[in-house]
Amino acid sequence: MPDVLLSLAMPTDVAQLVEDLLLSRPDLVRGFTSSHAEGHGSAATLVAPAELVAGHSARVIMRMVGDDEAMRELLRLIKTELPRANVFYWLVPVLEQGRL
């Protein structure tokens, strides 16, 4: 199976739960990178007063590369373990990867 890049975007209060889930499955996730981001647009639900004033919501993005089948299994796991986590995801093919 070819490798894909799985990106997960989530509210900050969910990030630790997702991180723990990823770390509990080294058979599916070899490693990942996380970074802070800001959610904008109609899909970003603004709830907290600070979000309403700022016009964006705090998010965490987690990215990982792996076998397509493993990444889809990981998505099923997140859906099962954290059914209301409000995690947006996308999968894209990896053309090349390496370490320099």
N, C-alpha and C. Protein backbone atom coordinates (compact mmCIF):
# COMPACT_ATOMS: atom_id res chain seq x y z
N MET A 1 0.84 -1.19 0.00
CA MET A 1 0.00 0.00 0.00
C MET A 1 0.88 1.25 0.00
N PRO A 2 0.46 2.27 -0.74
CA PRO A 2 1.24 3.51 -0.74
C PRO A 2 1.04 4.29 0.55
N ASP A 3 2.01 5.15 0.84
CA ASP A 3 1.91 6.00 2.02
C ASP A 3 1.03 7.20 1.73
N VAL A 4 0.36 7.67 2.78
CA VAL A 4 -0.47 8.87 2.72
C VAL A 4 -0.11 9.77 3.88
N LEU A 5 -0.44 11.04 3.74
CA LEU A 5 -0.30 12.00 4.83
C LEU A 5 -1.69 12.20 5.41
N LEU A 6 -1.84 11.89 6.70
CA LEU A 6 -3.08 12.12 7.42
C LEU A 6 -2.90 13.36 8.26
N SER A 7 -3.78 14.33 8.07
CA SER A 7 -3.78 15.55 8.88
C SER A 7 -5.07 15.59 9.68
N LEU A 8 -4.95 15.89 10.95
CA LEU A 8 -6.09 16.00 11.85
C LEU A 8 -6.11 17.41 12.43
N ALA A 9 -7.25 18.08 12.35
CA ALA A 9 -7.42 19.41 12.94
C ALA A 9 -8.49 19.30 14.01
N MET A 10 -8.18 19.79 15.22
CA MET A 10 -9.10 19.60 16.33
C MET A 10 -9.05 20.76 17.31
N PRO A 11 -10.11 20.90 18.12
CA PRO A 11 -10.07 21.89 19.19
C PRO A 11 -8.96 21.54 20.18
N THR A 12 -8.42 22.54 20.84
CA THR A 12 -7.31 22.31 21.75
C THR A 12 -7.68 21.40 22.92
N ASP A 13 -8.93 21.43 23.35
CA ASP A 13 -9.31 20.59 24.49
C ASP A 13 -9.40 19.12 24.14
N VAL A 14 -9.33 18.79 22.88
CA VAL A 14 -9.38 17.39 22.42
C VAL A 14 -7.99 16.86 22.12
N ALA A 15 -7.04 17.77 21.92
CA ALA A 15 -5.71 17.39 21.44
C ALA A 15 -5.01 16.36 22.32
N GLN A 16 -5.07 16.52 23.63
CA GLN A 16 -4.37 15.57 24.51
C GLN A 16 -4.98 14.17 24.39
N LEU A 17 -6.29 14.09 24.26
CA LEU A 17 -6.95 12.79 24.10
C LEU A 17 -6.52 12.10 22.82
N VAL A 18 -6.47 12.87 21.72
CA VAL A 18 -6.04 12.30 20.45
C VAL A 18 -4.57 11.92 20.51
N GLU A 19 -3.75 12.78 21.11
CA GLU A 19 -2.32 12.46 21.25
C GLU A 19 -2.12 11.16 22.01
N ASP A 20 -2.82 11.00 23.12
CA ASP A 20 -2.71 9.77 23.90
C ASP A 20 -3.13 8.56 23.08
N LEU A 21 -4.17 8.71 22.28
CA LEU A 21 -4.64 7.62 21.44
C LEU A 21 -3.59 7.26 20.39
N LEU A 22 -3.00 8.27 19.76
CA LEU A 22 -1.95 8.01 18.76
C LEU A 22 -0.74 7.32 19.39
N LEU A 23 -0.33 7.79 20.57
CA LEU A 23 0.83 7.19 21.23
C LEU A 23 0.56 5.77 21.71
N SER A 24 -0.71 5.44 21.91
CA SER A 24 -1.05 4.08 22.36
C SER A 24 -1.05 3.07 21.22
N ARG A 25 -0.88 3.55 19.97
CA ARG A 25 -0.94 2.65 18.82
C ARG A 25 0.29 2.78 17.93
N PRO A 26 1.49 2.41 18.45
CA PRO A 26 2.68 2.50 17.61
C PRO A 26 2.64 1.56 16.41
N ASP A 27 1.74 0.59 16.44
CA ASP A 27 1.58 -0.29 15.29
C ASP A 27 0.92 0.44 14.11
N LEU A 28 0.19 1.52 14.38
CA LEU A 28 -0.46 2.29 13.33
C LEU A 28 0.27 3.61 13.03
N VAL A 29 0.87 4.21 14.07
CA VAL A 29 1.48 5.53 13.94
C VAL A 29 2.95 5.44 14.34
N ARG A 30 3.85 5.65 13.38
CA ARG A 30 5.29 5.62 13.68
C ARG A 30 5.74 6.86 14.42
N GLY A 31 5.06 7.96 14.19
CA GLY A 31 5.37 9.24 14.81
C GLY A 31 4.46 10.28 14.20
N PHE A 32 4.41 11.45 14.82
CA PHE A 32 3.56 12.51 14.29
C PHE A 32 4.10 13.86 14.75
N THR A 33 3.63 14.88 14.08
CA THR A 33 4.00 16.26 14.39
C THR A 33 2.73 17.01 14.74
N SER A 34 2.80 17.83 15.79
CA SER A 34 1.64 18.64 16.14
C SER A 34 2.04 20.11 16.15
N SER A 35 1.07 20.95 15.83
CA SER A 35 1.31 22.39 15.85
C SER A 35 0.00 23.10 16.16
N HIS A 36 0.14 24.31 16.66
CA HIS A 36 -1.04 25.11 16.97
C HIS A 36 -1.47 25.87 15.73
N ALA A 37 -2.77 26.07 15.60
CA ALA A 37 -3.33 26.76 14.44
C ALA A 37 -4.56 27.53 14.88
N GLU A 38 -5.12 28.28 13.95
CA GLU A 38 -6.35 29.02 14.21
C GLU A 38 -7.37 28.62 13.17
N GLY A 39 -8.58 28.28 13.63
CA GLY A 39 -9.66 27.89 12.73
C GLY A 39 -10.47 29.11 12.33
N HIS A 40 -10.65 29.28 11.02
CA HIS A 40 -11.41 30.42 10.49
C HIS A 40 -12.52 29.89 9.57
N GLY A 41 -13.53 30.68 9.38
CA GLY A 41 -14.57 30.36 8.42
C GLY A 41 -15.82 29.80 9.05
N SER A 42 -16.79 29.47 8.19
CA SER A 42 -18.09 29.03 8.67
C SER A 42 -18.04 27.66 9.36
N ALA A 43 -17.04 26.86 9.06
CA ALA A 43 -16.93 25.54 9.69
C ALA A 43 -16.31 25.61 11.08
N ALA A 44 -15.69 26.73 11.42
CA ALA A 44 -15.07 26.89 12.74
C ALA A 44 -16.10 27.48 13.70
N THR A 45 -16.61 26.64 14.57
CA THR A 45 -17.60 27.09 15.54
C THR A 45 -16.93 27.90 16.63
N LEU A 46 -17.35 29.13 16.78
CA LEU A 46 -16.79 30.01 17.80
C LEU A 46 -17.71 29.98 19.01
N VAL A 47 -17.16 29.61 20.17
CA VAL A 47 -17.98 29.43 21.37
C VAL A 47 -17.53 30.36 22.49
N ALA A 48 -16.27 30.29 22.84
CA ALA A 48 -15.73 31.06 23.97
C ALA A 48 -15.77 32.56 23.64
N PRO A 49 -15.97 33.40 24.64
CA PRO A 49 -15.97 34.85 24.41
C PRO A 49 -14.72 35.34 23.69
N ALA A 50 -13.56 34.81 24.06
CA ALA A 50 -12.31 35.23 23.40
C ALA A 50 -12.32 34.87 21.92
N GLU A 51 -12.90 33.71 21.57
CA GLU A 51 -13.00 33.31 20.17
C GLU A 51 -13.92 34.25 19.41
N LEU A 52 -15.03 34.62 20.03
CA LEU A 52 -15.98 35.52 19.38
C LEU A 52 -15.35 36.88 19.11
N VAL A 53 -14.54 37.35 20.04
CA VAL A 53 -13.88 38.64 19.86
C VAL A 53 -12.79 38.53 18.79
N ALA A 54 -11.99 37.47 18.85
CA ALA A 54 -10.87 37.31 17.93
C ALA A 54 -11.33 36.92 16.52
N GLY A 55 -12.46 36.25 16.42
CA GLY A 55 -12.96 35.82 15.11
C GLY A 55 -12.37 34.52 14.62
N HIS A 56 -11.70 33.80 15.48
CA HIS A 56 -11.16 32.48 15.13
C HIS A 56 -11.11 31.62 16.38
N SER A 57 -10.95 30.32 16.17
CA SER A 57 -10.88 29.39 17.30
C SER A 57 -9.53 28.68 17.30
N ALA A 58 -9.04 28.42 18.48
CA ALA A 58 -7.75 27.73 18.63
C ALA A 58 -7.90 26.28 18.20
N ARG A 59 -6.95 25.81 17.45
CA ARG A 59 -6.93 24.43 16.97
C ARG A 59 -5.53 23.85 17.13
N VAL A 60 -5.46 22.53 17.10
CA VAL A 60 -4.20 21.80 17.04
C VAL A 60 -4.26 20.96 15.78
N ILE A 61 -3.18 20.96 15.02
CA ILE A 61 -3.05 20.13 13.82
C ILE A 61 -2.05 19.03 14.12
N MET A 62 -2.42 17.80 13.84
CA MET A 62 -1.49 16.67 13.96
C MET A 62 -1.35 16.04 12.58
N ARG A 63 -0.10 15.79 12.20
CA ARG A 63 0.18 15.21 10.88
C ARG A 63 1.04 13.97 11.05
N MET A 64 0.72 12.96 10.26
CA MET A 64 1.49 11.73 10.28
C MET A 64 1.47 11.08 8.91
N VAL A 65 2.54 10.39 8.59
CA VAL A 65 2.65 9.66 7.33
C VAL A 65 2.64 8.18 7.66
N GLY A 66 1.88 7.44 6.87
CA GLY A 66 1.84 6.00 7.07
C GLY A 66 1.12 5.31 5.94
N ASP A 67 1.07 4.03 6.05
CA ASP A 67 0.37 3.19 5.08
C ASP A 67 -1.11 3.59 5.04
N ASP A 68 -1.68 3.67 3.85
CA ASP A 68 -3.08 4.07 3.69
C ASP A 68 -4.01 3.26 4.58
N GLU A 69 -3.83 1.97 4.62
CA GLU A 69 -4.70 1.11 5.42
C GLU A 69 -4.57 1.43 6.92
N ALA A 70 -3.35 1.66 7.39
CA ALA A 70 -3.14 1.99 8.81
C ALA A 70 -3.77 3.33 9.16
N MET A 71 -3.66 4.31 8.26
CA MET A 71 -4.23 5.64 8.54
C MET A 71 -5.76 5.56 8.57
N ARG A 72 -6.35 4.74 7.71
CA ARG A 72 -7.81 4.58 7.73
C ARG A 72 -8.26 3.83 8.99
N GLU A 73 -7.44 2.89 9.45
CA GLU A 73 -7.73 2.20 10.71
C GLU A 73 -7.66 3.19 11.87
N LEU A 74 -6.70 4.09 11.83
CA LEU A 74 -6.58 5.11 12.86
C LEU A 74 -7.81 6.02 12.87
N LEU A 75 -8.31 6.39 11.72
CA LEU A 75 -9.53 7.20 11.65
C LEU A 75 -10.71 6.47 12.26
N ARG A 76 -10.83 5.17 11.98
CA ARG A 76 -11.92 4.38 12.58
C ARG A 76 -11.77 4.35 14.10
N LEU A 77 -10.55 4.22 14.58
CA LEU A 77 -10.29 4.18 16.01
C LEU A 77 -10.68 5.50 16.69
N ILE A 78 -10.30 6.61 16.08
CA ILE A 78 -10.66 7.91 16.64
C ILE A 78 -12.18 8.07 16.67
N LYS A 79 -12.83 7.66 15.59
CA LYS A 79 -14.29 7.76 15.53
C LYS A 79 -14.96 6.92 16.61
N THR A 80 -14.40 5.76 16.89
CA THR A 80 -14.96 4.86 17.90
C THR A 80 -14.67 5.36 19.32
N GLU A 81 -13.41 5.72 19.57
CA GLU A 81 -12.99 6.10 20.91
C GLU A 81 -13.41 7.52 21.30
N LEU A 82 -13.48 8.42 20.32
CA LEU A 82 -13.80 9.83 20.59
C LEU A 82 -14.90 10.29 19.62
N PRO A 83 -16.10 9.74 19.74
CA PRO A 83 -17.14 9.97 18.73
C PRO A 83 -17.59 11.42 18.59
N ARG A 84 -17.41 12.25 19.59
CA ARG A 84 -17.85 13.64 19.53
C ARG A 84 -16.66 14.61 19.61
N ALA A 85 -15.53 14.18 19.12
CA ALA A 85 -14.29 14.96 19.28
C ALA A 85 -14.20 16.17 18.34
N ASN A 86 -15.01 16.22 17.30
CA ASN A 86 -14.98 17.34 16.36
C ASN A 86 -13.60 17.45 15.70
N VAL A 87 -13.11 16.33 15.18
CA VAL A 87 -11.82 16.28 14.50
C VAL A 87 -12.07 16.29 12.99
N PHE A 88 -11.52 17.28 12.31
CA PHE A 88 -11.58 17.34 10.85
C PHE A 88 -10.30 16.67 10.33
N TYR A 89 -10.41 15.90 9.26
CA TYR A 89 -9.22 15.21 8.75
C TYR A 89 -9.17 15.30 7.23
N TRP A 90 -7.97 15.08 6.71
CA TRP A 90 -7.80 14.90 5.28
C TRP A 90 -6.61 13.99 5.04
N LEU A 91 -6.72 13.22 3.96
CA LEU A 91 -5.69 12.28 3.52
C LEU A 91 -5.20 12.71 2.15
N VAL A 92 -3.89 12.74 1.96
CA VAL A 92 -3.33 13.04 0.65
C VAL A 92 -2.19 12.05 0.37
N PRO A 93 -1.99 11.71 -0.90
CA PRO A 93 -0.90 10.79 -1.22
C PRO A 93 0.47 11.43 -0.98
N VAL A 94 1.41 10.62 -0.58
CA VAL A 94 2.79 11.07 -0.40
C VAL A 94 3.58 10.63 -1.62
N LEU A 95 4.12 11.59 -2.35
CA LEU A 95 4.89 11.27 -3.54
C LEU A 95 6.29 10.80 -3.21
N GLU A 96 6.84 11.38 -2.16
CA GLU A 96 8.20 11.03 -1.77
C GLU A 96 8.39 11.44 -0.31
N GLN A 97 9.25 10.73 0.38
CA GLN A 97 9.60 11.11 1.75
C GLN A 97 11.03 10.65 2.02
N GLY A 98 11.63 11.26 2.98
CA GLY A 98 13.00 10.89 3.32
C GLY A 98 13.54 11.77 4.43
N ARG A 99 14.74 11.58 4.77
CA ARG A 99 15.39 12.37 5.81
C ARG A 99 16.67 12.95 5.23
N LEU A 100 16.88 14.24 5.42
CA LEU A 100 18.07 14.91 4.89
C LEU A 100 19.01 15.30 6.00
